[in-house]
Amino acid sequence: MAVKLHRCPFTFLHTDHDACWKVQKALDEQGVDYEIVKYWAPFRGQRKSLIELSGQHLLPVIELEDGTVIRAESDVMAAQVREGAAS
């Protein structure tokens, strides 16, 4: 299993206002191979699989190969990725 980035479906948004993009950009900068898992559910309560995985409904979430789940504010997650947390 590869690293998975669970994120919003708006992959065309590349701004620093998009939390999911901040984390995806950090993964790209670090050369981490990952798979994108998009969540199309518009309401947070509809994200049952995400809640089962991470215990909450907020995106983005990184799922590592060993099953570890990383979830924090996007700036914190991006910093963790740059420090090697997703390698």
N, C-alpha and C. Protein backbone atom coordinates (compact mmCIF):
# COMPACT_ATOMS: atom_id res chain seq x y z
N MET A 1 0.85 -1.19 0.00
CA MET A 1 0.00 0.00 0.00
C MET A 1 0.88 1.24 0.00
N ALA A 2 0.55 2.20 -0.82
CA ALA A 2 1.29 3.46 -0.88
C ALA A 2 0.73 4.45 0.14
N VAL A 3 1.46 5.53 0.34
CA VAL A 3 0.96 6.63 1.16
C VAL A 3 -0.29 7.18 0.48
N LYS A 4 -1.31 7.49 1.27
CA LYS A 4 -2.55 8.03 0.72
C LYS A 4 -2.81 9.41 1.30
N LEU A 5 -3.15 10.34 0.42
CA LEU A 5 -3.57 11.67 0.84
C LEU A 5 -5.07 11.74 0.67
N HIS A 6 -5.78 11.76 1.77
CA HIS A 6 -7.23 11.91 1.76
C HIS A 6 -7.49 13.41 1.72
N ARG A 7 -8.15 13.87 0.66
CA ARG A 7 -8.32 15.30 0.47
C ARG A 7 -9.65 15.64 -0.18
N CYS A 8 -9.92 16.94 -0.25
CA CYS A 8 -11.13 17.42 -0.90
C CYS A 8 -11.00 17.18 -2.42
N PRO A 9 -12.10 17.21 -3.15
CA PRO A 9 -12.06 16.89 -4.58
C PRO A 9 -11.52 18.01 -5.46
N PHE A 10 -11.28 19.15 -4.91
CA PHE A 10 -10.92 20.32 -5.72
C PHE A 10 -9.42 20.36 -5.98
N THR A 11 -8.91 19.36 -6.70
CA THR A 11 -7.47 19.26 -6.94
C THR A 11 -6.96 20.34 -7.89
N PHE A 12 -7.85 21.05 -8.56
CA PHE A 12 -7.43 22.11 -9.46
C PHE A 12 -7.10 23.41 -8.71
N LEU A 13 -7.51 23.51 -7.45
CA LEU A 13 -7.19 24.70 -6.66
C LEU A 13 -5.76 24.59 -6.16
N HIS A 14 -4.95 25.52 -6.54
CA HIS A 14 -3.56 25.55 -6.09
C HIS A 14 -3.26 26.89 -5.45
N THR A 15 -3.89 27.10 -4.30
CA THR A 15 -3.67 28.34 -3.56
C THR A 15 -3.34 27.99 -2.12
N ASP A 16 -2.72 28.93 -1.44
CA ASP A 16 -2.39 28.72 -0.04
C ASP A 16 -3.61 28.81 0.87
N HIS A 17 -4.77 29.09 0.28
CA HIS A 17 -6.01 29.11 1.06
C HIS A 17 -6.67 27.74 1.10
N ASP A 18 -6.16 26.82 0.29
CA ASP A 18 -6.70 25.45 0.23
C ASP A 18 -5.85 24.55 1.10
N ALA A 19 -6.39 24.12 2.22
CA ALA A 19 -5.65 23.31 3.18
C ALA A 19 -5.12 22.03 2.55
N CYS A 20 -5.94 21.39 1.73
CA CYS A 20 -5.52 20.14 1.11
C CYS A 20 -4.34 20.36 0.17
N TRP A 21 -4.35 21.47 -0.55
CA TRP A 21 -3.25 21.77 -1.47
C TRP A 21 -1.94 22.01 -0.72
N LYS A 22 -2.01 22.67 0.43
CA LYS A 22 -0.79 22.91 1.21
C LYS A 22 -0.07 21.61 1.53
N VAL A 23 -0.84 20.62 1.93
CA VAL A 23 -0.25 19.33 2.30
C VAL A 23 0.22 18.58 1.06
N GLN A 24 -0.58 18.62 -0.01
CA GLN A 24 -0.19 17.95 -1.24
C GLN A 24 1.10 18.57 -1.80
N LYS A 25 1.20 19.87 -1.74
CA LYS A 25 2.40 20.57 -2.22
C LYS A 25 3.63 20.14 -1.42
N ALA A 26 3.48 20.00 -0.11
CA ALA A 26 4.60 19.57 0.74
C ALA A 26 5.02 18.14 0.36
N LEU A 27 4.06 17.26 0.10
CA LEU A 27 4.37 15.90 -0.33
C LEU A 27 5.14 15.92 -1.65
N ASP A 28 4.68 16.75 -2.58
CA ASP A 28 5.36 16.88 -3.87
C ASP A 28 6.79 17.39 -3.70
N GLU A 29 6.96 18.41 -2.87
CA GLU A 29 8.29 18.99 -2.64
C GLU A 29 9.26 17.96 -2.05
N GLN A 30 8.74 17.05 -1.24
CA GLN A 30 9.59 16.04 -0.60
C GLN A 30 9.77 14.79 -1.46
N GLY A 31 9.12 14.75 -2.60
CA GLY A 31 9.24 13.61 -3.50
C GLY A 31 8.56 12.35 -2.99
N VAL A 32 7.54 12.52 -2.17
CA VAL A 32 6.81 11.38 -1.61
C VAL A 32 5.81 10.89 -2.65
N ASP A 33 5.85 9.60 -2.96
CA ASP A 33 4.85 9.00 -3.84
C ASP A 33 3.59 8.78 -3.03
N TYR A 34 2.47 9.22 -3.56
CA TYR A 34 1.21 9.09 -2.83
C TYR A 34 0.06 8.90 -3.79
N GLU A 35 -1.01 8.40 -3.25
CA GLU A 35 -2.26 8.22 -3.97
C GLU A 35 -3.25 9.21 -3.40
N ILE A 36 -4.02 9.88 -4.25
CA ILE A 36 -5.05 10.81 -3.77
C ILE A 36 -6.36 10.07 -3.61
N VAL A 37 -6.97 10.23 -2.45
CA VAL A 37 -8.30 9.69 -2.18
C VAL A 37 -9.20 10.90 -1.99
N LYS A 38 -10.09 11.14 -2.96
CA LYS A 38 -10.96 12.31 -2.92
C LYS A 38 -12.25 12.00 -2.17
N TYR A 39 -12.71 12.99 -1.42
CA TYR A 39 -13.97 12.89 -0.69
C TYR A 39 -14.96 13.84 -1.34
N TRP A 40 -15.97 13.28 -1.98
CA TRP A 40 -16.97 14.07 -2.68
C TRP A 40 -18.13 14.46 -1.78
N ALA A 41 -18.22 13.88 -0.61
CA ALA A 41 -19.33 14.18 0.30
C ALA A 41 -19.28 15.65 0.71
N PRO A 42 -20.30 16.42 0.35
CA PRO A 42 -20.27 17.85 0.66
C PRO A 42 -20.45 18.16 2.14
N PHE A 43 -21.07 17.25 2.87
CA PHE A 43 -21.31 17.49 4.29
C PHE A 43 -20.40 16.59 5.11
N ARG A 44 -19.81 17.14 6.13
CA ARG A 44 -18.85 16.41 6.93
C ARG A 44 -19.42 15.13 7.53
N GLY A 45 -20.70 15.13 7.84
CA GLY A 45 -21.33 13.95 8.41
C GLY A 45 -21.40 12.78 7.44
N GLN A 46 -21.22 13.04 6.16
CA GLN A 46 -21.27 11.99 5.14
C GLN A 46 -19.91 11.30 4.94
N ARG A 47 -18.90 11.71 5.63
CA ARG A 47 -17.55 11.17 5.45
C ARG A 47 -17.31 10.01 6.42
N LYS A 48 -18.17 9.01 6.36
CA LYS A 48 -18.10 7.90 7.31
C LYS A 48 -16.79 7.13 7.23
N SER A 49 -16.30 6.89 6.02
CA SER A 49 -15.05 6.14 5.90
C SER A 49 -13.87 6.93 6.46
N LEU A 50 -13.91 8.26 6.32
CA LEU A 50 -12.86 9.10 6.89
C LEU A 50 -12.93 9.09 8.41
N ILE A 51 -14.12 9.13 8.94
CA ILE A 51 -14.30 9.08 10.40
C ILE A 51 -13.81 7.75 10.95
N GLU A 52 -14.10 6.66 10.24
CA GLU A 52 -13.62 5.34 10.66
C GLU A 52 -12.10 5.27 10.64
N LEU A 53 -11.49 5.90 9.63
CA LEU A 53 -10.04 5.88 9.48
C LEU A 53 -9.33 6.73 10.52
N SER A 54 -9.80 7.97 10.67
CA SER A 54 -9.05 8.95 11.46
C SER A 54 -9.72 9.37 12.76
N GLY A 55 -10.98 9.00 12.94
CA GLY A 55 -11.68 9.39 14.15
C GLY A 55 -12.29 10.78 14.09
N GLN A 56 -12.21 11.42 12.94
CA GLN A 56 -12.80 12.75 12.77
C GLN A 56 -13.17 12.96 11.31
N HIS A 57 -13.75 14.11 10.97
CA HIS A 57 -14.28 14.34 9.63
C HIS A 57 -13.54 15.38 8.82
N LEU A 58 -12.46 15.94 9.35
CA LEU A 58 -11.76 17.02 8.67
C LEU A 58 -10.70 16.51 7.70
N LEU A 59 -10.52 17.24 6.62
CA LEU A 59 -9.50 16.96 5.62
C LEU A 59 -8.45 18.06 5.67
N PRO A 60 -7.23 17.79 5.27
CA PRO A 60 -6.69 16.56 4.72
C PRO A 60 -6.24 15.59 5.81
N VAL A 61 -6.03 14.34 5.38
CA VAL A 61 -5.51 13.28 6.24
C VAL A 61 -4.47 12.52 5.43
N ILE A 62 -3.36 12.19 6.04
CA ILE A 62 -2.35 11.35 5.40
C ILE A 62 -2.40 9.98 6.07
N GLU A 63 -2.48 8.95 5.24
CA GLU A 63 -2.46 7.57 5.72
C GLU A 63 -1.14 6.96 5.24
N LEU A 64 -0.27 6.62 6.17
CA LEU A 64 1.03 6.06 5.82
C LEU A 64 0.91 4.58 5.48
N GLU A 65 1.96 4.05 4.88
CA GLU A 65 1.96 2.65 4.45
C GLU A 65 1.74 1.68 5.61
N ASP A 66 2.19 2.06 6.81
CA ASP A 66 2.04 1.17 7.97
C ASP A 66 0.69 1.33 8.66
N GLY A 67 -0.20 2.18 8.09
CA GLY A 67 -1.52 2.39 8.66
C GLY A 67 -1.62 3.57 9.60
N THR A 68 -0.49 4.20 9.90
CA THR A 68 -0.49 5.39 10.75
C THR A 68 -1.25 6.51 10.03
N VAL A 69 -2.05 7.26 10.80
CA VAL A 69 -2.83 8.36 10.25
C VAL A 69 -2.29 9.66 10.82
N ILE A 70 -2.07 10.63 9.94
CA ILE A 70 -1.60 11.96 10.35
C ILE A 70 -2.73 12.95 10.06
N ARG A 71 -3.16 13.66 11.08
CA ARG A 71 -4.18 14.70 10.92
C ARG A 71 -3.90 15.82 11.90
N ALA A 72 -3.77 17.02 11.37
CA ALA A 72 -3.58 18.24 12.16
C ALA A 72 -3.99 19.40 11.26
N GLU A 73 -3.79 20.61 11.72
CA GLU A 73 -4.01 21.76 10.85
C GLU A 73 -3.05 21.66 9.67
N SER A 74 -3.46 22.16 8.51
CA SER A 74 -2.67 21.95 7.29
C SER A 74 -1.25 22.50 7.38
N ASP A 75 -1.06 23.64 8.04
CA ASP A 75 0.29 24.18 8.17
C ASP A 75 1.17 23.24 9.00
N VAL A 76 0.60 22.66 10.03
CA VAL A 76 1.34 21.72 10.87
C VAL A 76 1.65 20.45 10.09
N MET A 77 0.65 19.95 9.35
CA MET A 77 0.86 18.74 8.55
C MET A 77 1.94 18.96 7.49
N ALA A 78 1.90 20.11 6.82
CA ALA A 78 2.91 20.40 5.79
C ALA A 78 4.30 20.45 6.42
N ALA A 79 4.42 21.04 7.60
CA ALA A 79 5.71 21.08 8.29
C ALA A 79 6.17 19.67 8.66
N GLN A 80 5.24 18.82 9.12
CA GLN A 80 5.60 17.45 9.46
C GLN A 80 6.10 16.69 8.23
N VAL A 81 5.45 16.90 7.10
CA VAL A 81 5.88 16.25 5.86
C VAL A 81 7.28 16.71 5.50
N ARG A 82 7.52 18.02 5.60
CA ARG A 82 8.85 18.56 5.26
C ARG A 82 9.93 18.06 6.21
N GLU A 83 9.53 17.67 7.42
CA GLU A 83 10.48 17.12 8.40
C GLU A 83 10.65 15.61 8.23
N GLY A 84 9.94 15.02 7.27
CA GLY A 84 10.12 13.60 6.97
C GLY A 84 9.09 12.68 7.54
N ALA A 85 7.99 13.18 8.05
CA ALA A 85 6.98 12.32 8.69
C ALA A 85 6.30 11.38 7.71
N ALA A 86 6.27 11.72 6.42
CA ALA A 86 5.55 10.90 5.45
C ALA A 86 6.49 10.08 4.58
N SER A 87 7.77 10.05 4.91
CA SER A 87 8.71 9.29 4.07
C SER A 87 8.77 7.85 4.48
